[in-house]
Amino acid sequence: MARKKKNQNPPRTETYRHPTAEALLRPDVGTQAQFRKKKPHAIYR
């Protein structure tokens, strides 16, 4: 069976921009603590 020809020019896609999207609450890279604070040892008795 013959192979199908590849589409030479695939349809162009545009990036979608949401009109109300804002990324203001995202902290800058490196401002958050890298490791969590360790909890004190549990006392069972």
N, C-alpha and C. Protein backbone atom coordinates (compact mmCIF):
# COMPACT_ATOMS: atom_id res chain seq x y z
N MET A 1 0.85 -1.17 0.00
CA MET A 1 0.00 0.00 0.00
C MET A 1 0.90 1.24 0.00
N ALA A 2 0.51 2.23 -0.75
CA ALA A 2 1.30 3.46 -0.84
C ALA A 2 1.17 4.28 0.44
N ARG A 3 2.25 4.95 0.80
CA ARG A 3 2.23 5.79 2.00
C ARG A 3 1.58 7.13 1.67
N LYS A 4 0.96 7.71 2.69
CA LYS A 4 0.35 9.03 2.51
C LYS A 4 1.45 10.09 2.50
N LYS A 5 1.25 11.12 1.71
CA LYS A 5 2.22 12.21 1.67
C LYS A 5 2.08 13.06 2.92
N LYS A 6 3.23 13.54 3.41
CA LYS A 6 3.19 14.41 4.58
C LYS A 6 2.70 15.79 4.17
N ASN A 7 1.99 16.42 5.07
CA ASN A 7 1.48 17.77 4.81
C ASN A 7 2.67 18.73 4.80
N GLN A 8 2.89 19.41 3.69
CA GLN A 8 4.05 20.30 3.56
C GLN A 8 3.93 21.52 4.47
N ASN A 9 2.76 22.12 4.57
CA ASN A 9 2.56 23.31 5.39
C ASN A 9 1.47 23.03 6.43
N PRO A 10 1.86 22.61 7.63
CA PRO A 10 0.84 22.36 8.66
C PRO A 10 0.16 23.67 9.06
N PRO A 11 -1.07 23.61 9.52
CA PRO A 11 -1.77 24.86 9.88
C PRO A 11 -1.07 25.57 11.03
N ARG A 12 -1.02 26.89 10.93
CA ARG A 12 -0.36 27.70 11.96
C ARG A 12 -1.26 27.81 13.18
N THR A 13 -0.65 27.74 14.35
CA THR A 13 -1.39 27.90 15.59
C THR A 13 -0.92 29.17 16.27
N GLU A 14 -1.85 29.87 16.87
CA GLU A 14 -1.52 31.11 17.57
C GLU A 14 -1.55 30.86 19.07
N THR A 15 -0.69 31.56 19.81
CA THR A 15 -0.70 31.42 21.26
C THR A 15 -1.92 32.15 21.81
N TYR A 16 -2.57 31.51 22.77
CA TYR A 16 -3.77 32.09 23.36
C TYR A 16 -3.38 32.94 24.55
N ARG A 17 -3.85 34.16 24.58
CA ARG A 17 -3.59 35.06 25.71
C ARG A 17 -4.91 35.32 26.42
N HIS A 18 -4.95 34.95 27.70
CA HIS A 18 -6.16 35.17 28.48
C HIS A 18 -6.18 36.63 28.90
N PRO A 19 -7.27 37.35 28.64
CA PRO A 19 -7.28 38.80 28.90
C PRO A 19 -7.19 39.19 30.37
N THR A 20 -7.64 38.33 31.28
CA THR A 20 -7.63 38.71 32.70
C THR A 20 -6.54 38.01 33.49
N ALA A 21 -5.68 37.24 32.85
CA ALA A 21 -4.65 36.50 33.57
C ALA A 21 -3.53 37.43 34.01
N GLU A 22 -3.19 37.33 35.29
CA GLU A 22 -2.08 38.10 35.83
C GLU A 22 -1.25 37.18 36.71
N ALA A 23 0.05 37.33 36.66
CA ALA A 23 0.94 36.50 37.45
C ALA A 23 1.68 37.36 38.47
N LEU A 24 0.96 38.25 39.13
CA LEU A 24 1.61 39.16 40.06
C LEU A 24 1.90 38.51 41.41
N LEU A 25 1.15 37.45 41.76
CA LEU A 25 1.30 36.85 43.08
C LEU A 25 2.43 35.83 43.13
N ARG A 26 3.05 35.55 42.01
CA ARG A 26 4.13 34.56 41.99
C ARG A 26 5.40 35.18 42.57
N PRO A 27 6.01 34.54 43.56
CA PRO A 27 7.23 35.10 44.14
C PRO A 27 8.40 34.98 43.16
N ASP A 28 9.36 35.85 43.31
CA ASP A 28 10.54 35.79 42.47
C ASP A 28 11.33 34.52 42.75
N VAL A 29 12.08 34.09 41.79
CA VAL A 29 12.84 32.85 41.93
C VAL A 29 13.93 33.05 42.97
N GLY A 30 14.02 32.14 43.92
CA GLY A 30 15.06 32.19 44.93
C GLY A 30 14.67 32.91 46.20
N THR A 31 13.46 33.45 46.29
CA THR A 31 13.08 34.18 47.50
C THR A 31 12.52 33.24 48.56
N GLN A 32 11.98 32.11 48.16
CA GLN A 32 11.41 31.19 49.13
C GLN A 32 12.52 30.34 49.75
N ALA A 33 12.27 29.84 50.95
CA ALA A 33 13.24 28.99 51.63
C ALA A 33 13.42 27.70 50.83
N GLN A 34 14.65 27.25 50.76
CA GLN A 34 14.92 26.06 49.96
C GLN A 34 14.53 24.78 50.70
N PHE A 35 14.69 24.78 52.04
CA PHE A 35 14.37 23.60 52.83
C PHE A 35 13.34 23.96 53.89
N ARG A 36 12.51 22.98 54.27
CA ARG A 36 11.52 23.21 55.32
C ARG A 36 12.20 23.22 56.67
N LYS A 37 11.60 23.93 57.61
CA LYS A 37 12.12 23.91 58.98
C LYS A 37 11.79 22.57 59.60
N LYS A 38 12.75 22.01 60.35
CA LYS A 38 12.53 20.70 60.95
C LYS A 38 11.68 20.83 62.20
N LYS A 39 10.75 19.90 62.36
CA LYS A 39 9.90 19.87 63.54
C LYS A 39 10.69 19.28 64.71
N PRO A 40 10.35 19.65 65.94
CA PRO A 40 11.02 19.03 67.09
C PRO A 40 10.63 17.56 67.20
N HIS A 41 11.50 16.78 67.87
CA HIS A 41 11.24 15.36 68.03
C HIS A 41 9.94 15.13 68.79
N ALA A 42 9.19 14.12 68.39
CA ALA A 42 7.93 13.80 69.04
C ALA A 42 8.20 13.15 70.40
N ILE A 43 7.44 13.56 71.40
CA ILE A 43 7.56 12.99 72.74
C ILE A 43 6.36 12.08 72.95
N TYR A 44 6.62 10.78 73.14
CA TYR A 44 5.53 9.82 73.25
C TYR A 44 5.13 9.57 74.70
N ARG A 45 5.99 9.83 75.66
CA ARG A 45 5.65 9.59 77.06
C ARG A 45 6.01 10.78 77.89
